[in-house]
Amino acid sequence: MTIPEPLTASVRIAAPPATVFPYLVDPALMIRWIGHWADLDPEPGGVFALDVETAAVRGRFLSVEPPTRVVFTWGVPGSEVIPAGSTTVEILLRPDGPDTIVELVHHDLPPSERSAHLEGWTTCLGCLVRALSAPTSARAKRSPGGP
């Protein structure tokens, strides 16, 4: 069996990694850029549960390295294509001057899912940029339902 090539997506955010990192591990901040509900226990073996549009994504945190790296499993309960926890998402935060390069690498995606996930991740990373580019007071006042 051939291991699928990882899917990658990246963005530049005008904020340091320490400012971006909480958006990857805090449920209230995560739902500002992806999903509408999250239950996160950001420690190795901790719960990663996220409801995105009509899909319930479930997995476990594998690695949490503030403020530069988060790794979690990803999948949909009951799916035969991407069962819960069957793929792995790694998000790296690399400082670049005053900015952060966010690189997302999604491993083990079946070929049939690559296009949809690339579109989804690209859209969500754009939402992350927007969530972090809002003035601090505006970020604090947003409802937990979205950006």
N, C-alpha and C. Protein backbone atom coordinates (compact mmCIF):
# COMPACT_ATOMS: atom_id res chain seq x y z
N MET A 1 0.84 -1.19 0.00
CA MET A 1 0.00 0.00 0.00
C MET A 1 0.88 1.25 0.00
N THR A 2 0.57 2.19 -0.86
CA THR A 2 1.33 3.42 -0.97
C THR A 2 0.81 4.44 0.04
N ILE A 3 1.74 5.09 0.72
CA ILE A 3 1.36 6.14 1.66
C ILE A 3 1.09 7.40 0.87
N PRO A 4 -0.11 8.01 1.05
CA PRO A 4 -0.42 9.21 0.29
C PRO A 4 0.50 10.38 0.66
N GLU A 5 0.77 11.21 -0.33
CA GLU A 5 1.55 12.43 -0.12
C GLU A 5 0.78 13.34 0.85
N PRO A 6 1.45 13.95 1.84
CA PRO A 6 0.74 14.85 2.74
C PRO A 6 0.18 16.06 2.00
N LEU A 7 -0.94 16.54 2.45
CA LEU A 7 -1.54 17.76 1.93
C LEU A 7 -0.98 18.91 2.76
N THR A 8 -0.60 20.00 2.11
CA THR A 8 -0.08 21.15 2.85
C THR A 8 -0.81 22.43 2.44
N ALA A 9 -0.96 23.31 3.41
CA ALA A 9 -1.53 24.64 3.18
C ALA A 9 -0.83 25.57 4.16
N SER A 10 -0.65 26.82 3.75
CA SER A 10 0.02 27.76 4.65
C SER A 10 -0.48 29.17 4.43
N VAL A 11 -0.28 29.98 5.48
CA VAL A 11 -0.61 31.41 5.43
C VAL A 11 0.39 32.17 6.28
N ARG A 12 0.45 33.46 6.03
CA ARG A 12 1.24 34.38 6.85
C ARG A 12 0.25 35.19 7.68
N ILE A 13 0.55 35.30 8.96
CA ILE A 13 -0.30 36.07 9.86
C ILE A 13 0.54 37.17 10.51
N ALA A 14 -0.01 38.36 10.57
CA ALA A 14 0.68 39.52 11.14
C ALA A 14 0.56 39.50 12.66
N ALA A 15 1.17 38.48 13.27
CA ALA A 15 1.18 38.32 14.73
C ALA A 15 2.26 37.30 15.06
N PRO A 16 2.83 37.38 16.26
CA PRO A 16 3.85 36.39 16.65
C PRO A 16 3.22 35.04 16.98
N PRO A 17 4.02 33.96 16.93
CA PRO A 17 3.49 32.63 17.24
C PRO A 17 2.75 32.54 18.58
N ALA A 18 3.23 33.24 19.60
CA ALA A 18 2.58 33.18 20.92
C ALA A 18 1.16 33.73 20.88
N THR A 19 0.87 34.63 19.95
CA THR A 19 -0.49 35.16 19.79
C THR A 19 -1.35 34.20 18.98
N VAL A 20 -0.77 33.52 18.01
CA VAL A 20 -1.51 32.60 17.15
C VAL A 20 -1.81 31.28 17.86
N PHE A 21 -0.88 30.78 18.63
CA PHE A 21 -0.98 29.45 19.23
C PHE A 21 -2.29 29.18 19.97
N PRO A 22 -2.80 30.10 20.81
CA PRO A 22 -4.05 29.81 21.51
C PRO A 22 -5.23 29.49 20.59
N TYR A 23 -5.19 29.98 19.36
CA TYR A 23 -6.27 29.69 18.40
C TYR A 23 -6.26 28.23 17.95
N LEU A 24 -5.22 27.49 18.31
CA LEU A 24 -5.11 26.08 17.95
C LEU A 24 -5.49 25.15 19.09
N VAL A 25 -5.63 25.69 20.30
CA VAL A 25 -5.85 24.82 21.46
C VAL A 25 -6.99 25.28 22.37
N ASP A 26 -7.47 26.49 22.22
CA ASP A 26 -8.55 27.01 23.06
C ASP A 26 -9.87 26.88 22.28
N PRO A 27 -10.84 26.13 22.82
CA PRO A 27 -12.09 25.92 22.07
C PRO A 27 -12.79 27.21 21.66
N ALA A 28 -12.84 28.20 22.55
CA ALA A 28 -13.53 29.45 22.23
C ALA A 28 -12.83 30.19 21.09
N LEU A 29 -11.51 30.07 21.00
CA LEU A 29 -10.79 30.73 19.91
C LEU A 29 -10.81 29.89 18.64
N MET A 30 -10.75 28.57 18.78
CA MET A 30 -10.75 27.72 17.59
C MET A 30 -12.02 27.91 16.77
N ILE A 31 -13.16 28.02 17.44
CA ILE A 31 -14.41 28.15 16.68
C ILE A 31 -14.56 29.51 16.02
N ARG A 32 -13.63 30.40 16.25
CA ARG A 32 -13.65 31.68 15.53
C ARG A 32 -13.09 31.54 14.13
N TRP A 33 -12.40 30.43 13.85
CA TRP A 33 -11.83 30.26 12.51
C TRP A 33 -12.19 28.92 11.87
N ILE A 34 -12.62 27.96 12.67
CA ILE A 34 -13.02 26.66 12.11
C ILE A 34 -14.08 26.03 13.01
N GLY A 35 -15.14 25.61 12.40
CA GLY A 35 -16.18 24.90 13.14
C GLY A 35 -17.11 25.81 13.90
N HIS A 36 -18.08 25.18 14.58
CA HIS A 36 -19.03 25.94 15.39
C HIS A 36 -19.14 25.39 16.80
N TRP A 37 -18.44 24.31 17.10
CA TRP A 37 -18.37 23.74 18.44
C TRP A 37 -17.06 22.99 18.58
N ALA A 38 -16.43 23.10 19.76
CA ALA A 38 -15.18 22.39 19.98
C ALA A 38 -15.07 21.96 21.44
N ASP A 39 -14.52 20.78 21.64
CA ASP A 39 -14.14 20.28 22.96
C ASP A 39 -12.69 19.85 22.81
N LEU A 40 -11.79 20.59 23.43
CA LEU A 40 -10.36 20.34 23.27
C LEU A 40 -9.70 20.16 24.62
N ASP A 41 -8.86 19.14 24.74
CA ASP A 41 -8.02 18.92 25.90
C ASP A 41 -6.59 18.85 25.38
N PRO A 42 -5.95 20.02 25.22
CA PRO A 42 -4.67 20.09 24.51
C PRO A 42 -3.47 19.56 25.30
N GLU A 43 -3.44 18.26 25.41
CA GLU A 43 -2.28 17.56 25.95
C GLU A 43 -2.21 16.21 25.25
N PRO A 44 -1.04 15.61 25.16
CA PRO A 44 -0.94 14.32 24.45
C PRO A 44 -1.94 13.31 25.00
N GLY A 45 -2.75 12.76 24.09
CA GLY A 45 -3.81 11.83 24.45
C GLY A 45 -5.14 12.51 24.75
N GLY A 46 -5.14 13.85 24.84
CA GLY A 46 -6.36 14.60 25.15
C GLY A 46 -7.33 14.64 23.97
N VAL A 47 -8.57 14.90 24.29
CA VAL A 47 -9.65 14.93 23.31
C VAL A 47 -9.47 16.07 22.31
N PHE A 48 -9.70 15.75 21.04
CA PHE A 48 -9.83 16.74 19.98
C PHE A 48 -11.18 16.47 19.33
N ALA A 49 -12.17 17.31 19.61
CA ALA A 49 -13.51 17.15 19.05
C ALA A 49 -13.96 18.49 18.50
N LEU A 50 -14.38 18.47 17.23
CA LEU A 50 -14.73 19.69 16.54
C LEU A 50 -15.90 19.40 15.60
N ASP A 51 -16.92 20.23 15.65
CA ASP A 51 -18.02 20.12 14.68
C ASP A 51 -17.80 21.18 13.61
N VAL A 52 -17.60 20.71 12.36
CA VAL A 52 -17.34 21.57 11.22
C VAL A 52 -18.48 21.39 10.24
N GLU A 53 -19.23 22.46 9.98
CA GLU A 53 -20.39 22.39 9.10
C GLU A 53 -21.25 21.20 9.51
N THR A 54 -21.37 20.19 8.66
CA THR A 54 -22.22 19.04 9.00
C THR A 54 -21.43 17.84 9.50
N ALA A 55 -20.11 17.98 9.63
CA ALA A 55 -19.27 16.85 10.04
C ALA A 55 -18.82 17.01 11.49
N ALA A 56 -18.84 15.89 12.20
CA ALA A 56 -18.28 15.83 13.55
C ALA A 56 -16.89 15.22 13.40
N VAL A 57 -15.86 16.01 13.67
CA VAL A 57 -14.48 15.53 13.55
C VAL A 57 -14.02 15.13 14.94
N ARG A 58 -13.42 13.95 15.03
CA ARG A 58 -12.97 13.45 16.32
C ARG A 58 -11.56 12.90 16.20
N GLY A 59 -10.79 13.11 17.26
CA GLY A 59 -9.43 12.59 17.32
C GLY A 59 -8.84 12.82 18.69
N ARG A 60 -7.53 12.80 18.73
CA ARG A 60 -6.77 13.00 19.97
C ARG A 60 -5.56 13.88 19.67
N PHE A 61 -5.20 14.68 20.65
CA PHE A 61 -3.96 15.43 20.53
C PHE A 61 -2.80 14.45 20.67
N LEU A 62 -1.81 14.59 19.80
CA LEU A 62 -0.61 13.77 19.87
C LEU A 62 0.57 14.56 20.45
N SER A 63 0.65 15.84 20.12
CA SER A 63 1.74 16.69 20.58
C SER A 63 1.24 18.12 20.69
N VAL A 64 1.62 18.78 21.76
CA VAL A 64 1.28 20.18 21.98
C VAL A 64 2.55 20.86 22.47
N GLU A 65 3.15 21.71 21.63
CA GLU A 65 4.43 22.35 21.92
C GLU A 65 4.30 23.86 21.77
N PRO A 66 3.76 24.54 22.80
CA PRO A 66 3.59 25.99 22.71
C PRO A 66 4.93 26.70 22.50
N PRO A 67 5.00 27.73 21.73
CA PRO A 67 3.98 28.25 20.82
C PRO A 67 4.26 27.89 19.36
N THR A 68 4.82 26.69 19.08
CA THR A 68 5.25 26.42 17.71
C THR A 68 4.62 25.22 17.01
N ARG A 69 3.97 24.31 17.74
CA ARG A 69 3.53 23.08 17.06
C ARG A 69 2.38 22.42 17.81
N VAL A 70 1.41 21.95 17.02
CA VAL A 70 0.30 21.15 17.53
C VAL A 70 0.07 20.02 16.54
N VAL A 71 -0.12 18.80 17.05
CA VAL A 71 -0.42 17.64 16.22
C VAL A 71 -1.62 16.92 16.82
N PHE A 72 -2.61 16.60 15.96
CA PHE A 72 -3.77 15.87 16.43
C PHE A 72 -4.26 14.93 15.33
N THR A 73 -4.98 13.90 15.75
CA THR A 73 -5.60 13.01 14.77
C THR A 73 -6.94 13.60 14.36
N TRP A 74 -7.44 13.14 13.20
CA TRP A 74 -8.61 13.77 12.56
C TRP A 74 -9.39 12.70 11.82
N GLY A 75 -10.68 12.70 11.96
CA GLY A 75 -11.54 11.80 11.22
C GLY A 75 -12.99 11.96 11.67
N VAL A 76 -13.87 11.24 11.01
CA VAL A 76 -15.30 11.37 11.24
C VAL A 76 -15.84 10.04 11.76
N PRO A 77 -16.45 10.03 12.94
CA PRO A 77 -17.02 8.78 13.46
C PRO A 77 -18.01 8.18 12.46
N GLY A 78 -17.88 6.89 12.23
CA GLY A 78 -18.78 6.17 11.33
C GLY A 78 -18.40 6.24 9.87
N SER A 79 -17.42 7.07 9.52
CA SER A 79 -16.99 7.18 8.13
C SER A 79 -16.15 5.97 7.74
N GLU A 80 -16.40 5.44 6.56
CA GLU A 80 -15.56 4.37 6.05
C GLU A 80 -14.35 4.93 5.29
N VAL A 81 -14.43 6.19 4.90
CA VAL A 81 -13.35 6.82 4.14
C VAL A 81 -12.31 7.44 5.07
N ILE A 82 -12.76 8.19 6.06
CA ILE A 82 -11.85 8.81 7.04
C ILE A 82 -12.43 8.56 8.44
N PRO A 83 -12.25 7.37 8.98
CA PRO A 83 -12.77 7.10 10.33
C PRO A 83 -12.15 8.03 11.38
N ALA A 84 -12.84 8.20 12.48
CA ALA A 84 -12.34 9.05 13.57
C ALA A 84 -10.89 8.70 13.90
N GLY A 85 -10.05 9.72 13.94
CA GLY A 85 -8.66 9.54 14.33
C GLY A 85 -7.76 8.88 13.31
N SER A 86 -8.22 8.71 12.08
CA SER A 86 -7.45 7.94 11.08
C SER A 86 -6.42 8.75 10.31
N THR A 87 -6.49 10.06 10.36
CA THR A 87 -5.50 10.90 9.70
C THR A 87 -4.87 11.81 10.76
N THR A 88 -3.79 12.46 10.39
CA THR A 88 -3.07 13.30 11.35
C THR A 88 -2.85 14.69 10.75
N VAL A 89 -3.13 15.71 11.58
CA VAL A 89 -2.92 17.10 11.19
C VAL A 89 -1.82 17.67 12.07
N GLU A 90 -0.82 18.26 11.43
CA GLU A 90 0.26 18.93 12.13
C GLU A 90 0.23 20.40 11.73
N ILE A 91 0.23 21.28 12.73
CA ILE A 91 0.26 22.71 12.47
C ILE A 91 1.52 23.28 13.09
N LEU A 92 2.33 23.89 12.24
CA LEU A 92 3.61 24.48 12.66
C LEU A 92 3.51 25.99 12.59
N LEU A 93 4.01 26.68 13.59
CA LEU A 93 4.04 28.13 13.63
C LEU A 93 5.50 28.56 13.62
N ARG A 94 5.89 29.23 12.55
CA ARG A 94 7.29 29.63 12.38
C ARG A 94 7.37 31.15 12.36
N PRO A 95 8.14 31.74 13.31
CA PRO A 95 8.27 33.20 13.28
C PRO A 95 9.00 33.65 12.03
N ASP A 96 8.55 34.76 11.47
CA ASP A 96 9.20 35.36 10.30
C ASP A 96 9.14 36.87 10.50
N GLY A 97 10.17 37.41 11.15
CA GLY A 97 10.12 38.81 11.55
C GLY A 97 9.01 38.96 12.57
N PRO A 98 8.16 39.97 12.41
CA PRO A 98 7.05 40.16 13.35
C PRO A 98 5.85 39.25 13.06
N ASP A 99 5.92 38.52 11.96
CA ASP A 99 4.80 37.69 11.52
C ASP A 99 5.01 36.22 11.89
N THR A 100 4.01 35.43 11.57
CA THR A 100 4.07 33.97 11.75
C THR A 100 3.66 33.31 10.45
N ILE A 101 4.44 32.33 10.02
CA ILE A 101 4.05 31.47 8.92
C ILE A 101 3.37 30.27 9.57
N VAL A 102 2.12 30.06 9.21
CA VAL A 102 1.36 28.91 9.70
C VAL A 102 1.38 27.87 8.59
N GLU A 103 1.95 26.72 8.87
CA GLU A 103 1.97 25.63 7.90
C GLU A 103 1.17 24.46 8.46
N LEU A 104 0.18 24.05 7.71
CA LEU A 104 -0.66 22.92 8.09
C LEU A 104 -0.33 21.75 7.17
N VAL A 105 -0.04 20.61 7.76
CA VAL A 105 0.26 19.40 7.00
C VAL A 105 -0.72 18.33 7.44
N HIS A 106 -1.52 17.83 6.49
CA HIS A 106 -2.52 16.80 6.79
C HIS A 106 -2.01 15.48 6.18
N HIS A 107 -1.69 14.53 7.04
CA HIS A 107 -1.13 13.24 6.63
C HIS A 107 -2.21 12.18 6.49
N ASP A 108 -1.96 11.23 5.60
CA ASP A 108 -2.77 10.00 5.44
C ASP A 108 -4.17 10.22 4.89
N LEU A 109 -4.40 11.33 4.22
CA LEU A 109 -5.71 11.55 3.60
C LEU A 109 -5.85 10.65 2.37
N PRO A 110 -6.98 9.97 2.23
CA PRO A 110 -7.22 9.22 1.01
C PRO A 110 -7.25 10.16 -0.19
N PRO A 111 -6.78 9.71 -1.35
CA PRO A 111 -6.78 10.57 -2.54
C PRO A 111 -8.15 11.19 -2.84
N SER A 112 -9.22 10.48 -2.57
CA SER A 112 -10.55 11.00 -2.86
C SER A 112 -10.93 12.20 -1.98
N GLU A 113 -10.20 12.42 -0.90
CA GLU A 113 -10.52 13.49 0.05
C GLU A 113 -9.59 14.70 -0.07
N ARG A 114 -8.53 14.58 -0.84
CA ARG A 114 -7.52 15.65 -0.89
C ARG A 114 -8.08 16.99 -1.38
N SER A 115 -8.81 16.98 -2.46
CA SER A 115 -9.30 18.23 -3.03
C SER A 115 -10.22 18.96 -2.06
N ALA A 116 -11.18 18.25 -1.49
CA ALA A 116 -12.12 18.88 -0.55
C ALA A 116 -11.40 19.40 0.69
N HIS A 117 -10.43 18.62 1.19
CA HIS A 117 -9.71 19.07 2.38
C HIS A 117 -8.77 20.24 2.07
N LEU A 118 -8.16 20.25 0.91
CA LEU A 118 -7.32 21.39 0.55
C LEU A 118 -8.16 22.66 0.49
N GLU A 119 -9.32 22.58 -0.14
CA GLU A 119 -10.22 23.73 -0.20
C GLU A 119 -10.65 24.14 1.20
N GLY A 120 -11.02 23.17 2.02
CA GLY A 120 -11.46 23.46 3.38
C GLY A 120 -10.37 24.08 4.23
N TRP A 121 -9.17 23.49 4.19
CA TRP A 121 -8.08 24.03 4.99
C TRP A 121 -7.68 25.42 4.52
N THR A 122 -7.65 25.64 3.22
CA THR A 122 -7.30 26.96 2.68
C THR A 122 -8.30 28.01 3.15
N THR A 123 -9.58 27.67 3.09
CA THR A 123 -10.63 28.58 3.56
C THR A 123 -10.49 28.85 5.05
N CYS A 124 -10.29 27.80 5.83
CA CYS A 124 -10.19 27.96 7.28
C CYS A 124 -8.95 28.77 7.68
N LEU A 125 -7.84 28.54 7.02
CA LEU A 125 -6.64 29.33 7.34
C LEU A 125 -6.86 30.81 7.00
N GLY A 126 -7.61 31.08 5.95
CA GLY A 126 -7.98 32.47 5.65
C GLY A 126 -8.83 33.06 6.76
N CYS A 127 -9.72 32.26 7.33
CA CYS A 127 -10.54 32.71 8.46
C CYS A 127 -9.67 32.95 9.70
N LEU A 128 -8.63 32.14 9.88
CA LEU A 128 -7.69 32.35 10.99
C LEU A 128 -6.97 33.68 10.83
N VAL A 129 -6.54 33.99 9.62
CA VAL A 129 -5.90 35.30 9.36
C VAL A 129 -6.85 36.42 9.74
N ARG A 130 -8.10 36.33 9.30
CA ARG A 130 -9.08 37.38 9.59
C ARG A 130 -9.35 37.49 11.09
N ALA A 131 -9.46 36.36 11.77
CA ALA A 131 -9.72 36.38 13.21
C ALA A 131 -8.59 37.07 13.97
N LEU A 132 -7.37 36.85 13.51
CA LEU A 132 -6.21 37.44 14.19
C LEU A 132 -5.91 38.86 13.73
N SER A 133 -6.47 39.28 12.61
CA SER A 133 -6.19 40.64 12.13
C SER A 133 -7.17 41.65 12.69
N ALA A 134 -8.24 41.18 13.33
CA ALA A 134 -9.19 42.10 13.96
C ALA A 134 -8.51 42.76 15.16
N PRO A 135 -8.87 43.99 15.45
CA PRO A 135 -8.30 44.63 16.65
C PRO A 135 -8.59 43.77 17.88
N THR A 136 -7.71 43.82 18.86
CA THR A 136 -7.83 43.00 20.07
C THR A 136 -9.19 43.17 20.71
N SER A 137 -9.69 44.40 20.81
CA SER A 137 -10.98 44.61 21.45
C SER A 137 -12.09 43.94 20.64
N ALA A 138 -12.00 43.96 19.31
CA ALA A 138 -13.01 43.32 18.48
C ALA A 138 -12.96 41.81 18.63
N ARG A 139 -11.75 41.23 18.75
CA ARG A 139 -11.62 39.79 18.96
C ARG A 139 -12.27 39.39 20.27
N ALA A 140 -12.08 40.22 21.29
CA ALA A 140 -12.63 39.90 22.61
C ALA A 140 -14.15 39.98 22.63
N LYS A 141 -14.74 40.85 21.79
CA LYS A 141 -16.18 41.05 21.82
C LYS A 141 -16.95 40.10 20.91
N ARG A 142 -16.27 39.35 20.06
CA ARG A 142 -16.96 38.47 19.12
C ARG A 142 -17.73 37.39 19.86
N SER A 143 -18.83 36.99 19.27
CA SER A 143 -19.57 35.87 19.82
C SER A 143 -18.78 34.60 19.55
N PRO A 144 -18.94 33.57 20.39
CA PRO A 144 -18.19 32.34 20.18
C PRO A 144 -18.61 31.59 18.93
N GLY A 145 -19.61 32.03 18.21
CA GLY A 145 -20.11 31.31 17.06
C GLY A 145 -19.31 31.47 15.78
N GLY A 146 -18.37 32.38 15.72
CA GLY A 146 -17.61 32.48 14.47
C GLY A 146 -16.88 33.78 14.34
N PRO A 147 -16.13 33.91 13.25
CA PRO A 147 -15.29 35.10 13.03
C PRO A 147 -16.08 36.35 12.78
